[in-house]
PDB file of all heavy atoms in Angstrom:
ATOM      1  N   LYS A   1       0.834  -1.205   0.000  1.00  0.00           N
ATOM      2  CA  LYS A   1       0.000   0.000   0.000  1.00  0.00           C
ATOM      3  C   LYS A   1       0.865   1.251   0.000  1.00  0.00           C
ATOM      4  O   LYS A   1       0.614   2.194  -0.760  1.00  0.00           O
ATOM      5  CB  LYS A   1      -0.921  -0.013   1.224  1.00  0.00           C
ATOM      6  CG  LYS A   1      -1.816   1.214   1.304  1.00  0.00           C
ATOM      7  CD  LYS A   1      -2.520   1.315   2.634  1.00  0.00           C
ATOM      8  CE  LYS A   1      -3.315   2.614   2.711  1.00  0.00           C
ATOM      9  NZ  LYS A   1      -3.915   2.826   4.044  1.00  0.00           N
ATOM     10  N   LYS A   2       1.887   1.267   0.856  1.00  0.00           N
ATOM     11  CA  LYS A   2       2.762   2.436   0.932  1.00  0.00           C
ATOM     12  C   LYS A   2       3.469   2.686  -0.397  1.00  0.00           C
ATOM     13  O   LYS A   2       3.608   3.832  -0.842  1.00  0.00           O
ATOM     14  CB  LYS A   2       3.788   2.217   2.050  1.00  0.00           C
ATOM     15  CG  LYS A   2       4.716   3.405   2.261  1.00  0.00           C
ATOM     16  CD  LYS A   2       5.679   3.136   3.411  1.00  0.00           C
ATOM     17  CE  LYS A   2       6.618   4.322   3.633  1.00  0.00           C
ATOM     18  NZ  LYS A   2       7.567   4.055   4.754  1.00  0.00           N
ATOM     19  N   HIS A   3       3.886   1.609  -1.049  1.00  0.00           N
ATOM     20  CA  HIS A   3       4.610   1.722  -2.321  1.00  0.00           C
ATOM     21  C   HIS A   3       3.711   2.250  -3.440  1.00  0.00           C
ATOM     22  O   HIS A   3       4.139   3.061  -4.269  1.00  0.00           O
ATOM     23  CB  HIS A   3       5.174   0.354  -2.699  1.00  0.00           C
ATOM     24  CG  HIS A   3       5.818   0.308  -4.048  1.00  0.00           C
ATOM     25  ND1 HIS A   3       7.003   0.949  -4.341  1.00  0.00           N
ATOM     26  CD2 HIS A   3       5.426  -0.300  -5.198  1.00  0.00           C
ATOM     27  CE1 HIS A   3       7.319   0.743  -5.610  1.00  0.00           C
ATOM     28  NE2 HIS A   3       6.388  -0.014  -6.145  1.00  0.00           N
ATOM     29  N   LEU A   4       2.449   1.803  -3.468  1.00  0.00           N
ATOM     30  CA  LEU A   4       1.559   2.108  -4.590  1.00  0.00           C
ATOM     31  C   LEU A   4       0.757   3.389  -4.405  1.00  0.00           C
ATOM     32  O   LEU A   4       0.310   3.997  -5.389  1.00  0.00           O
ATOM     33  CB  LEU A   4       0.598   0.947  -4.820  1.00  0.00           C
ATOM     34  CG  LEU A   4       1.228  -0.355  -5.328  1.00  0.00           C
ATOM     35  CD1 LEU A   4       0.231  -1.502  -5.243  1.00  0.00           C
ATOM     36  CD2 LEU A   4       1.724  -0.191  -6.760  1.00  0.00           C
ATOM     37  N   ALA A   5       0.530   3.802  -3.164  1.00  0.00           N
ATOM     38  CA  ALA A   5      -0.369   4.930  -2.912  1.00  0.00           C
ATOM     39  C   ALA A   5       0.122   6.213  -3.579  1.00  0.00           C
ATOM     40  O   ALA A   5      -0.670   6.968  -4.156  1.00  0.00           O
ATOM     41  CB  ALA A   5      -0.538   5.129  -1.408  1.00  0.00           C
ATOM     42  N   LYS A   6       1.429   6.487  -3.515  1.00  0.00           N
ATOM     43  CA  LYS A   6       1.974   7.707  -4.107  1.00  0.00           C
ATOM     44  C   LYS A   6       1.790   7.699  -5.622  1.00  0.00           C
ATOM     45  O   LYS A   6       1.395   8.710  -6.217  1.00  0.00           O
ATOM     46  CB  LYS A   6       3.453   7.840  -3.736  1.00  0.00           C
ATOM     47  CG  LYS A   6       4.084   9.136  -4.207  1.00  0.00           C
ATOM     48  CD  LYS A   6       5.536   9.237  -3.737  1.00  0.00           C
ATOM     49  CE  LYS A   6       6.164  10.538  -4.201  1.00  0.00           C
ATOM     50  NZ  LYS A   6       7.592  10.652  -3.752  1.00  0.00           N
ATOM     51  N   TRP A   7       2.079   6.553  -6.248  1.00  0.00           N
ATOM     52  CA  TRP A   7       1.874   6.424  -7.701  1.00  0.00           C
ATOM     53  C   TRP A   7       0.413   6.651  -8.074  1.00  0.00           C
ATOM     54  O   TRP A   7       0.099   7.339  -9.049  1.00  0.00           O
ATOM     55  CB  TRP A   7       2.322   5.031  -8.152  1.00  0.00           C
ATOM     56  CG  TRP A   7       1.714   4.605  -9.454  1.00  0.00           C
ATOM     57  CD1 TRP A   7       2.112   4.943 -10.711  1.00  0.00           C
ATOM     58  CD2 TRP A   7       0.568   3.761  -9.623  1.00  0.00           C
ATOM     59  NE1 TRP A   7       1.287   4.370 -11.648  1.00  0.00           N
ATOM     60  CE2 TRP A   7       0.333   3.638 -11.007  1.00  0.00           C
ATOM     61  CE3 TRP A   7      -0.278   3.099  -8.734  1.00  0.00           C
ATOM     62  CZ2 TRP A   7      -0.713   2.881 -11.520  1.00  0.00           C
ATOM     63  CZ3 TRP A   7      -1.324   2.344  -9.244  1.00  0.00           C
ATOM     64  CH2 TRP A   7      -1.533   2.246 -10.617  1.00  0.00           C
ATOM     65  N   ALA A   8      -0.499   6.084  -7.287  1.00  0.00           N
ATOM     66  CA  ALA A   8      -1.928   6.196  -7.594  1.00  0.00           C
ATOM     67  C   ALA A   8      -2.391   7.652  -7.515  1.00  0.00           C
ATOM     68  O   ALA A   8      -3.135   8.124  -8.381  1.00  0.00           O
ATOM     69  CB  ALA A   8      -2.733   5.318  -6.632  1.00  0.00           C
ATOM     70  N   ARG A   9      -1.971   8.358  -6.466  1.00  0.00           N
ATOM     71  CA  ARG A   9      -2.359   9.771  -6.346  1.00  0.00           C
ATOM     72  C   ARG A   9      -1.825  10.593  -7.506  1.00  0.00           C
ATOM     73  O   ARG A   9      -2.538  11.422  -8.069  1.00  0.00           O
ATOM     74  CB  ARG A   9      -1.843  10.342  -5.015  1.00  0.00           C
ATOM     75  CG  ARG A   9      -2.606   9.862  -3.788  1.00  0.00           C
ATOM     76  CD  ARG A   9      -2.250  10.708  -2.563  1.00  0.00           C
ATOM     77  NE  ARG A   9      -0.837  10.624  -2.230  1.00  0.00           N
ATOM     78  CZ  ARG A   9      -0.327   9.708  -1.419  1.00  0.00           C
ATOM     79  NH1 ARG A   9      -1.110   8.796  -0.861  1.00  0.00           N
ATOM     80  NH2 ARG A   9       0.974   9.700  -1.157  1.00  0.00           N
ATOM     81  N   LYS A  10      -0.584  10.358  -7.873  1.00  0.00           N
ATOM     82  CA  LYS A  10       0.028  11.105  -8.968  1.00  0.00           C
ATOM     83  C   LYS A  10      -0.676  10.827 -10.289  1.00  0.00           C
ATOM     84  O   LYS A  10      -0.792  11.720 -11.143  1.00  0.00           O
ATOM     85  CB  LYS A  10       1.519  10.730  -9.065  1.00  0.00           C
ATOM     86  CG  LYS A  10       2.289  11.512 -10.100  1.00  0.00           C
ATOM     87  CD  LYS A  10       3.765  11.120 -10.091  1.00  0.00           C
ATOM     88  CE  LYS A  10       4.547  11.893 -11.143  1.00  0.00           C
ATOM     89  NZ  LYS A  10       5.987  11.501 -11.157  1.00  0.00           N
ATOM     90  N   SER A  11      -1.160   9.596 -10.475  1.00  0.00           N
ATOM     91  CA  SER A  11      -1.808   9.204 -11.734  1.00  0.00           C
ATOM     92  C   SER A  11      -3.312   9.446 -11.723  1.00  0.00           C
ATOM     93  O   SER A  11      -3.986   9.106 -12.693  1.00  0.00           O
ATOM     94  CB  SER A  11      -1.537   7.714 -11.993  1.00  0.00           C
ATOM     95  OG  SER A  11      -0.154   7.437 -11.996  1.00  0.00           O
ATOM     96  N   ASP A  12      -3.832  10.014 -10.630  1.00  0.00           N
ATOM     97  CA  ASP A  12      -5.271  10.226 -10.481  1.00  0.00           C
ATOM     98  C   ASP A  12      -6.033   8.911 -10.644  1.00  0.00           C
ATOM     99  O   ASP A  12      -6.985   8.799 -11.406  1.00  0.00           O
ATOM    100  CB  ASP A  12      -5.794  11.264 -11.473  1.00  0.00           C
ATOM    101  CG  ASP A  12      -7.202  11.740 -11.116  1.00  0.00           C
ATOM    102  OD1 ASP A  12      -7.601  11.580  -9.947  1.00  0.00           O
ATOM    103  OD2 ASP A  12      -7.912  12.231 -12.018  1.00  0.00           O
ATOM    104  N   ILE A  13      -5.553   7.890  -9.928  1.00  0.00           N
ATOM    105  CA  ILE A  13      -6.161   6.559  -9.971  1.00  0.00           C
ATOM    106  C   ILE A  13      -6.619   6.200  -8.560  1.00  0.00           C
ATOM    107  O   ILE A  13      -5.822   6.232  -7.616  1.00  0.00           O
ATOM    108  CB  ILE A  13      -5.158   5.511 -10.488  1.00  0.00           C
ATOM    109  CG1 ILE A  13      -4.875   5.736 -11.973  1.00  0.00           C
ATOM    110  CG2 ILE A  13      -5.658   4.087 -10.250  1.00  0.00           C
ATOM    111  CD1 ILE A  13      -3.738   4.898 -12.520  1.00  0.00           C
ATOM    112  N   SER A  14      -7.903   5.883  -8.409  1.00  0.00           N
ATOM    113  CA  SER A  14      -8.415   5.509  -7.085  1.00  0.00           C
ATOM    114  C   SER A  14      -8.785   4.035  -7.014  1.00  0.00           C
ATOM    115  O   SER A  14      -9.362   3.589  -6.022  1.00  0.00           O
ATOM    116  CB  SER A  14      -9.646   6.363  -6.739  1.00  0.00           C
ATOM    117  OG  SER A  14     -10.755   6.036  -7.563  1.00  0.00           O
ATOM    118  N   CYS A  15      -8.468   3.266  -8.058  1.00  0.00           N
ATOM    119  CA  CYS A  15      -8.789   1.838  -8.060  1.00  0.00           C
ATOM    120  C   CYS A  15      -7.588   1.073  -8.622  1.00  0.00           C
ATOM    121  O   CYS A  15      -7.183   1.289  -9.759  1.00  0.00           O
ATOM    122  CB  CYS A  15     -10.041   1.571  -8.888  1.00  0.00           C
ATOM    123  SG  CYS A  15     -10.066   2.381 -10.499  1.00  0.00           S
ATOM    124  N   TYR A  16      -7.028   0.193  -7.794  1.00  0.00           N
ATOM    125  CA  TYR A  16      -5.851  -0.555  -8.241  1.00  0.00           C
ATOM    126  C   TYR A  16      -5.652  -1.756  -7.332  1.00  0.00           C
ATOM    127  O   TYR A  16      -6.172  -1.810  -6.208  1.00  0.00           O
ATOM    128  CB  TYR A  16      -4.595   0.321  -8.245  1.00  0.00           C
ATOM    129  CG  TYR A  16      -4.267   0.958  -6.922  1.00  0.00           C
ATOM    130  CD1 TYR A  16      -3.379   0.366  -6.022  1.00  0.00           C
ATOM    131  CD2 TYR A  16      -4.829   2.185  -6.566  1.00  0.00           C
ATOM    132  CE1 TYR A  16      -3.070   0.954  -4.814  1.00  0.00           C
ATOM    133  CE2 TYR A  16      -4.533   2.787  -5.349  1.00  0.00           C
ATOM    134  CZ  TYR A  16      -3.656   2.164  -4.474  1.00  0.00           C
ATOM    135  OH  TYR A  16      -3.354   2.750  -3.270  1.00  0.00           O
ATOM    136  N   ARG A  17      -4.907  -2.742  -7.818  1.00  0.00           N
ATOM    137  CA  ARG A  17      -4.633  -3.961  -7.058  1.00  0.00           C
ATOM    138  C   ARG A  17      -3.457  -3.720  -6.122  1.00  0.00           C
ATOM    139  O   ARG A  17      -2.387  -3.291  -6.543  1.00  0.00           O
ATOM    140  CB  ARG A  17      -4.344  -5.122  -8.000  1.00  0.00           C
ATOM    141  CG  ARG A  17      -4.041  -6.434  -7.265  1.00  0.00           C
ATOM    142  CD  ARG A  17      -4.373  -7.629  -8.139  1.00  0.00           C
ATOM    143  NE  ARG A  17      -5.811  -7.679  -8.401  1.00  0.00           N
ATOM    144  CZ  ARG A  17      -6.404  -8.613  -9.146  1.00  0.00           C
ATOM    145  NH1 ARG A  17      -5.688  -9.582  -9.692  1.00  0.00           N
ATOM    146  NH2 ARG A  17      -7.696  -8.581  -9.356  1.00  0.00           N
ATOM    147  N   VAL A  18      -3.670  -4.035  -4.854  1.00  0.00           N
ATOM    148  CA  VAL A  18      -2.644  -3.799  -3.855  1.00  0.00           C
ATOM    149  C   VAL A  18      -1.968  -5.098  -3.406  1.00  0.00           C
ATOM    150  O   VAL A  18      -0.919  -5.069  -2.775  1.00  0.00           O
ATOM    151  CB  VAL A  18      -3.247  -3.046  -2.648  1.00  0.00           C
ATOM    152  CG1 VAL A  18      -4.161  -3.936  -1.841  1.00  0.00           C
ATOM    153  CG2 VAL A  18      -2.157  -2.435  -1.777  1.00  0.00           C
ATOM    154  N   TYR A  19      -2.570  -6.240  -3.772  1.00  0.00           N
ATOM    155  CA  TYR A  19      -1.990  -7.540  -3.385  1.00  0.00           C
ATOM    156  C   TYR A  19      -2.530  -8.590  -4.339  1.00  0.00           C
ATOM    157  O   TYR A  19      -3.738  -8.612  -4.620  1.00  0.00           O
ATOM    158  CB  TYR A  19      -2.393  -7.873  -1.937  1.00  0.00           C
ATOM    159  CG  TYR A  19      -1.922  -9.223  -1.434  1.00  0.00           C
ATOM    160  CD1 TYR A  19      -0.707  -9.376  -0.775  1.00  0.00           C
ATOM    161  CD2 TYR A  19      -2.712 -10.359  -1.619  1.00  0.00           C
ATOM    162  CE1 TYR A  19      -0.283 -10.617  -0.312  1.00  0.00           C
ATOM    163  CE2 TYR A  19      -2.297 -11.605  -1.165  1.00  0.00           C
ATOM    164  CZ  TYR A  19      -1.089 -11.728  -0.509  1.00  0.00           C
ATOM    165  OH  TYR A  19      -0.676 -12.958  -0.061  1.00  0.00           O
ATOM    166  N   ASP A  20      -1.649  -9.453  -4.849  1.00  0.00           N
ATOM    167  CA  ASP A  20      -2.090 -10.483  -5.797  1.00  0.00           C
ATOM    168  C   ASP A  20      -1.394 -11.804  -5.480  1.00  0.00           C
ATOM    169  O   ASP A  20      -0.430 -12.188  -6.130  1.00  0.00           O
ATOM    170  CB  ASP A  20      -1.786 -10.047  -7.231  1.00  0.00           C
ATOM    171  CG  ASP A  20      -2.546 -10.895  -8.253  1.00  0.00           C
ATOM    172  OD1 ASP A  20      -3.371 -11.736  -7.843  1.00  0.00           O
ATOM    173  OD2 ASP A  20      -2.311 -10.713  -9.459  1.00  0.00           O
ATOM    174  N   ALA A  21      -1.915 -12.492  -4.448  1.00  0.00           N
ATOM    175  CA  ALA A  21      -1.381 -13.801  -4.041  1.00  0.00           C
ATOM    176  C   ALA A  21       0.137 -13.754  -3.866  1.00  0.00           C
ATOM    177  O   ALA A  21       0.843 -14.689  -4.240  1.00  0.00           O
ATOM    178  CB  ALA A  21      -1.793 -14.879  -5.046  1.00  0.00           C
ATOM    179  N   ASP A  22       0.639 -12.660  -3.272  1.00  0.00           N
ATOM    180  CA  ASP A  22       2.086 -12.507  -3.075  1.00  0.00           C
ATOM    181  C   ASP A  22       2.651 -13.637  -2.222  1.00  0.00           C
ATOM    182  O   ASP A  22       3.773 -14.107  -2.461  1.00  0.00           O
ATOM    183  CB  ASP A  22       2.389 -11.175  -2.379  1.00  0.00           C
ATOM    184  CG  ASP A  22       1.940  -9.961  -3.188  1.00  0.00           C
ATOM    185  OD1 ASP A  22       1.022 -10.108  -3.997  1.00  0.00           O
ATOM    186  OD2 ASP A  22       2.509  -8.876  -2.992  1.00  0.00           O
ATOM    187  N   LEU A  23       1.888 -14.056  -1.208  1.00  0.00           N
ATOM    188  CA  LEU A  23       2.322 -15.121  -0.309  1.00  0.00           C
ATOM    189  C   LEU A  23       1.449 -16.349  -0.542  1.00  0.00           C
ATOM    190  O   LEU A  23       0.227 -16.245  -0.589  1.00  0.00           O
ATOM    191  CB  LEU A  23       2.205 -14.673   1.154  1.00  0.00           C
ATOM    192  CG  LEU A  23       2.952 -13.384   1.525  1.00  0.00           C
ATOM    193  CD1 LEU A  23       2.662 -13.009   2.972  1.00  0.00           C
ATOM    194  CD2 LEU A  23       4.448 -13.537   1.296  1.00  0.00           C
ATOM    195  N   PRO A  24       2.053 -17.542  -0.686  1.00  0.00           N
ATOM    196  CA  PRO A  24       1.281 -18.734  -1.050  1.00  0.00           C
ATOM    197  C   PRO A  24       0.198 -19.099  -0.031  1.00  0.00           C
ATOM    198  O   PRO A  24      -0.829 -19.678  -0.405  1.00  0.00           O
ATOM    199  CB  PRO A  24       2.344 -19.835  -1.163  1.00  0.00           C
ATOM    200  CG  PRO A  24       3.554 -19.306  -0.458  1.00  0.00           C
ATOM    201  CD  PRO A  24       3.496 -17.827  -0.591  1.00  0.00           C
ATOM    202  N   ASP A  25       0.383 -18.751   1.245  1.00  0.00           N
ATOM    203  CA  ASP A  25      -0.613 -19.087   2.257  1.00  0.00           C
ATOM    204  C   ASP A  25      -1.862 -18.216   2.162  1.00  0.00           C
ATOM    205  O   ASP A  25      -2.897 -18.548   2.734  1.00  0.00           O
ATOM    206  CB  ASP A  25      -0.020 -18.937   3.664  1.00  0.00           C
ATOM    207  CG  ASP A  25       0.913 -20.091   4.012  1.00  0.00           C
ATOM    208  OD1 ASP A  25       0.733 -21.176   3.438  1.00  0.00           O
ATOM    209  OD2 ASP A  25       1.815 -19.899   4.846  1.00  0.00           O
ATOM    210  N   TYR A  26      -1.761 -17.104   1.454  1.00  0.00           N
ATOM    211  CA  TYR A  26      -2.891 -16.179   1.340  1.00  0.00           C
ATOM    212  C   TYR A  26      -3.143 -15.922  -0.142  1.00  0.00           C
ATOM    213  O   TYR A  26      -2.673 -14.940  -0.712  1.00  0.00           O
ATOM    214  CB  TYR A  26      -2.602 -14.881   2.092  1.00  0.00           C
ATOM    215  CG  TYR A  26      -2.381 -15.115   3.574  1.00  0.00           C
ATOM    216  CD1 TYR A  26      -1.099 -15.390   4.067  1.00  0.00           C
ATOM    217  CD2 TYR A  26      -3.433 -15.092   4.474  1.00  0.00           C
ATOM    218  CE1 TYR A  26      -0.891 -15.635   5.409  1.00  0.00           C
ATOM    219  CE2 TYR A  26      -3.234 -15.333   5.819  1.00  0.00           C
ATOM    220  CZ  TYR A  26      -1.961 -15.610   6.284  1.00  0.00           C
ATOM    221  OH  TYR A  26      -1.767 -15.848   7.617  1.00  0.00           O
ATOM    222  N   ALA A  27      -3.896 -16.851  -0.761  1.00  0.00           N
ATOM    223  CA  ALA A  27      -4.140 -16.802  -2.205  1.00  0.00           C
ATOM    224  C   ALA A  27      -5.302 -15.865  -2.493  1.00  0.00           C
ATOM    225  O   ALA A  27      -6.413 -16.273  -2.843  1.00  0.00           O
ATOM    226  CB  ALA A  27      -4.432 -18.199  -2.745  1.00  0.00           C
ATOM    227  N   LEU A  28      -5.043 -14.569  -2.344  1.00  0.00           N
ATOM    228  CA  LEU A  28      -6.072 -13.546  -2.487  1.00  0.00           C
ATOM    229  C   LEU A  28      -5.649 -12.507  -3.511  1.00  0.00           C
ATOM    230  O   LEU A  28      -4.457 -12.237  -3.683  1.00  0.00           O
ATOM    231  CB  LEU A  28      -6.317 -12.832  -1.149  1.00  0.00           C
ATOM    232  CG  LEU A  28      -6.666 -13.690   0.066  1.00  0.00           C
ATOM    233  CD1 LEU A  28      -6.625 -12.836   1.326  1.00  0.00           C
ATOM    234  CD2 LEU A  28      -8.031 -14.335  -0.111  1.00  0.00           C
ATOM    235  N   ALA A  29      -6.627 -11.938  -4.180  1.00  0.00           N
ATOM    236  CA  ALA A  29      -6.419 -10.718  -4.952  1.00  0.00           C
ATOM    237  C   ALA A  29      -7.170  -9.612  -4.213  1.00  0.00           C
ATOM    238  O   ALA A  29      -8.366  -9.738  -3.958  1.00  0.00           O
ATOM    239  CB  ALA A  29      -6.957 -10.869  -6.370  1.00  0.00           C
ATOM    240  N   ILE A  30      -6.456  -8.547  -3.851  1.00  0.00           N
ATOM    241  CA  ILE A  30      -7.047  -7.467  -3.062  1.00  0.00           C
ATOM    242  C   ILE A  30      -6.959  -6.178  -3.867  1.00  0.00           C
ATOM    243  O   ILE A  30      -5.860  -5.728  -4.215  1.00  0.00           O
ATOM    244  CB  ILE A  30      -6.320  -7.304  -1.718  1.00  0.00           C
ATOM    245  CG1 ILE A  30      -6.327  -8.631  -0.952  1.00  0.00           C
ATOM    246  CG2 ILE A  30      -6.975  -6.201  -0.891  1.00  0.00           C
ATOM    247  CD1 ILE A  30      -5.494  -8.601   0.327  1.00  0.00           C
ATOM    248  N   ASP A  31      -8.115  -5.624  -4.190  1.00  0.00           N
ATOM    249  CA  ASP A  31      -8.188  -4.411  -4.987  1.00  0.00           C
ATOM    250  C   ASP A  31      -8.806  -3.281  -4.173  1.00  0.00           C
ATOM    251  O   ASP A  31      -9.796  -3.483  -3.465  1.00  0.00           O
ATOM    252  CB  ASP A  31      -9.044  -4.631  -6.239  1.00  0.00           C
ATOM    253  CG  ASP A  31      -8.487  -5.716  -7.148  1.00  0.00           C
ATOM    254  OD1 ASP A  31      -7.257  -5.773  -7.284  1.00  0.00           O
ATOM    255  OD2 ASP A  31      -9.278  -6.498  -7.701  1.00  0.00           O
ATOM    256  N   LEU A  32      -8.216  -2.101  -4.278  1.00  0.00           N
ATOM    257  CA  LEU A  32      -8.787  -0.897  -3.684  1.00  0.00           C
ATOM    258  C   LEU A  32      -9.677  -0.210  -4.707  1.00  0.00           C
ATOM    259  O   LEU A  32      -9.273  -0.027  -5.858  1.00  0.00           O
ATOM    260  CB  LEU A  32      -7.678   0.068  -3.254  1.00  0.00           C
ATOM    261  CG  LEU A  32      -6.755  -0.377  -2.122  1.00  0.00           C
ATOM    262  CD1 LEU A  32      -5.738   0.713  -1.828  1.00  0.00           C
ATOM    263  CD2 LEU A  32      -7.546  -0.696  -0.879  1.00  0.00           C
ATOM    264  N   TYR A  33     -10.866   0.143  -4.315  1.00  0.00           N
ATOM    265  CA  TYR A  33     -11.771   0.950  -5.120  1.00  0.00           C
ATOM    266  C   TYR A  33     -12.155   2.155  -4.277  1.00  0.00           C
ATOM    267  O   TYR A  33     -13.129   2.121  -3.523  1.00  0.00           O
ATOM    268  CB  TYR A  33     -13.010   0.160  -5.523  1.00  0.00           C
ATOM    269  CG  TYR A  33     -12.784  -0.866  -6.614  1.00  0.00           C
ATOM    270  CD1 TYR A  33     -12.358  -2.147  -6.310  1.00  0.00           C
ATOM    271  CD2 TYR A  33     -12.990  -0.544  -7.955  1.00  0.00           C
ATOM    272  CE1 TYR A  33     -12.154  -3.091  -7.302  1.00  0.00           C
ATOM    273  CE2 TYR A  33     -12.784  -1.485  -8.956  1.00  0.00           C
ATOM    274  CZ  TYR A  33     -12.370  -2.752  -8.625  1.00  0.00           C
ATOM    275  OH  TYR A  33     -12.161  -3.694  -9.618  1.00  0.00           O
ATOM    276  N   ASP A  34     -11.339   3.200  -4.367  1.00  0.00           N
ATOM    277  CA  ASP A  34     -11.533   4.398  -3.570  1.00  0.00           C
ATOM    278  C   ASP A  34     -11.500   4.024  -2.082  1.00  0.00           C
ATOM    279  O   ASP A  34     -10.490   3.531  -1.604  1.00  0.00           O
ATOM    280  CB  ASP A  34     -12.827   5.105  -3.968  1.00  0.00           C
ATOM    281  CG  ASP A  34     -12.810   6.575  -3.580  1.00  0.00           C
ATOM    282  OD1 ASP A  34     -11.751   7.203  -3.685  1.00  0.00           O
ATOM    283  OD2 ASP A  34     -13.854   7.092  -3.156  1.00  0.00           O
ATOM    284  N   GLU A  35     -12.602   4.211  -1.356  1.00  0.00           N
ATOM    285  CA  GLU A  35     -12.623   3.890   0.074  1.00  0.00           C
ATOM    286  C   GLU A  35     -13.184   2.491   0.339  1.00  0.00           C
ATOM    287  O   GLU A  35     -13.573   2.191   1.479  1.00  0.00           O
ATOM    288  CB  GLU A  35     -13.452   4.927   0.834  1.00  0.00           C
ATOM    289  CG  GLU A  35     -12.899   6.340   0.744  1.00  0.00           C
ATOM    290  CD  GLU A  35     -11.498   6.453   1.335  1.00  0.00           C
ATOM    291  OE1 GLU A  35     -11.257   5.826   2.386  1.00  0.00           O
ATOM    292  OE2 GLU A  35     -10.653   7.161   0.740  1.00  0.00           O
ATOM    293  N   HIS A  36     -13.244   1.642  -0.667  1.00  0.00           N
ATOM    294  CA  HIS A  36     -13.767   0.292  -0.523  1.00  0.00           C
ATOM    295  C   HIS A  36     -12.698  -0.725  -0.935  1.00  0.00           C
ATOM    296  O   HIS A  36     -11.759  -0.396  -1.655  1.00  0.00           O
ATOM    297  CB  HIS A  36     -15.024   0.099  -1.380  1.00  0.00           C
ATOM    298  CG  HIS A  36     -16.183   0.931  -0.938  1.00  0.00           C
ATOM    299  ND1 HIS A  36     -16.230   2.298  -1.118  1.00  0.00           N
ATOM    300  CD2 HIS A  36     -17.348   0.585  -0.323  1.00  0.00           C
ATOM    301  CE1 HIS A  36     -17.380   2.759  -0.632  1.00  0.00           C
ATOM    302  NE2 HIS A  36     -18.058   1.757  -0.142  1.00  0.00           N
ATOM    303  N   ILE A  37     -12.889  -1.961  -0.471  1.00  0.00           N
ATOM    304  CA  ILE A  37     -11.942  -3.031  -0.787  1.00  0.00           C
ATOM    305  C   ILE A  37     -12.699  -4.202  -1.394  1.00  0.00           C
ATOM    306  O   ILE A  37     -13.754  -4.603  -0.898  1.00  0.00           O
ATOM    307  CB  ILE A  37     -11.202  -3.527   0.477  1.00  0.00           C
ATOM    308  CG1 ILE A  37     -10.459  -2.371   1.150  1.00  0.00           C
ATOM    309  CG2 ILE A  37     -10.221  -4.635   0.135  1.00  0.00           C
ATOM    310  CD1 ILE A  37      -9.848  -2.738   2.473  1.00  0.00           C
ATOM    311  N   HIS A  38     -12.153  -4.753  -2.461  1.00  0.00           N
ATOM    312  CA  HIS A  38     -12.715  -5.920  -3.138  1.00  0.00           C
ATOM    313  C   HIS A  38     -11.711  -7.060  -3.004  1.00  0.00           C
ATOM    314  O   HIS A  38     -10.591  -6.969  -3.499  1.00  0.00           O
ATOM    315  CB  HIS A  38     -12.955  -5.576  -4.611  1.00  0.00           C
ATOM    316  CG  HIS A  38     -13.655  -6.639  -5.391  1.00  0.00           C
ATOM    317  ND1 HIS A  38     -13.026  -7.415  -6.332  1.00  0.00           N
ATOM    318  CD2 HIS A  38     -14.946  -7.055  -5.375  1.00  0.00           C
ATOM    319  CE1 HIS A  38     -13.896  -8.252  -6.867  1.00  0.00           C
ATOM    320  NE2 HIS A  38     -15.063  -8.057  -6.305  1.00  0.00           N
ATOM    321  N   VAL A  39     -12.097  -8.110  -2.290  1.00  0.00           N
ATOM    322  CA  VAL A  39     -11.212  -9.252  -2.041  1.00  0.00           C
ATOM    323  C   VAL A  39     -11.727 -10.460  -2.808  1.00  0.00           C
ATOM    324  O   VAL A  39     -12.907 -10.797  -2.727  1.00  0.00           O
ATOM    325  CB  VAL A  39     -11.150  -9.596  -0.536  1.00  0.00           C
ATOM    326  CG1 VAL A  39     -10.189 -10.762  -0.291  1.00  0.00           C
ATOM    327  CG2 VAL A  39     -10.738  -8.381   0.283  1.00  0.00           C
ATOM    328  N   GLN A  40     -10.846 -11.098  -3.549  1.00  0.00           N
ATOM    329  CA  GLN A  40     -11.191 -12.337  -4.240  1.00  0.00           C
ATOM    330  C   GLN A  40     -10.274 -13.444  -3.739  1.00  0.00           C
ATOM    331  O   GLN A  40      -9.052 -13.301  -3.776  1.00  0.00           O
ATOM    332  CB  GLN A  40     -11.035 -12.179  -5.751  1.00  0.00           C
ATOM    333  CG  GLN A  40     -11.945 -11.119  -6.354  1.00  0.00           C
ATOM    334  CD  GLN A  40     -11.639 -10.890  -7.813  1.00  0.00           C
ATOM    335  OE1 GLN A  40     -12.140 -11.589  -8.678  1.00  0.00           O
ATOM    336  NE2 GLN A  40     -10.805  -9.906  -8.104  1.00  0.00           N
ATOM    337  N   GLU A  41     -10.880 -14.514  -3.267  1.00  0.00           N
ATOM    338  CA  GLU A  41     -10.098 -15.675  -2.839  1.00  0.00           C
ATOM    339  C   GLU A  41     -10.029 -16.654  -4.001  1.00  0.00           C
ATOM    340  O   GLU A  41     -11.056 -17.118  -4.496  1.00  0.00           O
ATOM    341  CB  GLU A  41     -10.736 -16.362  -1.633  1.00  0.00           C
ATOM    342  CG  GLU A  41      -9.902 -17.551  -1.147  1.00  0.00           C
ATOM    343  CD  GLU A  41     -10.668 -18.497  -0.240  1.00  0.00           C
ATOM    344  OE1 GLU A  41     -11.911 -18.553  -0.333  1.00  0.00           O
ATOM    345  OE2 GLU A  41     -10.021 -19.201   0.544  1.00  0.00           O
ATOM    346  N   TYR A  42      -8.828 -16.956  -4.452  1.00  0.00           N
ATOM    347  CA  TYR A  42      -8.678 -17.987  -5.465  1.00  0.00           C
ATOM    348  C   TYR A  42      -8.975 -19.329  -4.820  1.00  0.00           C
ATOM    349  O   TYR A  42      -8.494 -19.634  -3.727  1.00  0.00           O
ATOM    350  CB  TYR A  42      -7.263 -17.981  -6.040  1.00  0.00           C
ATOM    351  CG  TYR A  42      -6.895 -16.705  -6.753  1.00  0.00           C
ATOM    352  CD1 TYR A  42      -5.889 -15.868  -6.264  1.00  0.00           C
ATOM    353  CD2 TYR A  42      -7.561 -16.303  -7.906  1.00  0.00           C
ATOM    354  CE1 TYR A  42      -5.549 -14.688  -6.907  1.00  0.00           C
ATOM    355  CE2 TYR A  42      -7.231 -15.133  -8.553  1.00  0.00           C
ATOM    356  CZ  TYR A  42      -6.227 -14.333  -8.054  1.00  0.00           C
ATOM    357  OH  TYR A  42      -5.904 -13.162  -8.698  1.00  0.00           O
ATOM    358  N   ALA A  43      -9.816 -20.139  -5.455  1.00  0.00           N
ATOM    359  CA  ALA A  43     -10.173 -21.443  -4.896  1.00  0.00           C
ATOM    360  C   ALA A  43      -8.903 -22.239  -4.623  1.00  0.00           C
ATOM    361  O   ALA A  43      -8.058 -22.402  -5.511  1.00  0.00           O
ATOM    362  CB  ALA A  43     -11.076 -22.195  -5.863  1.00  0.00           C
TER     363      ALA A  43
END
């Protein structure tokens, strides 16, 4: 989040993926949509 937030503000982007199954124990895709979060669990 810290790494991407500055880029997003500069690009006028309020929706972006902040995590994509980075760690094998947490097979999730986590997207920010402004003040909301969309979480998808890969089966």
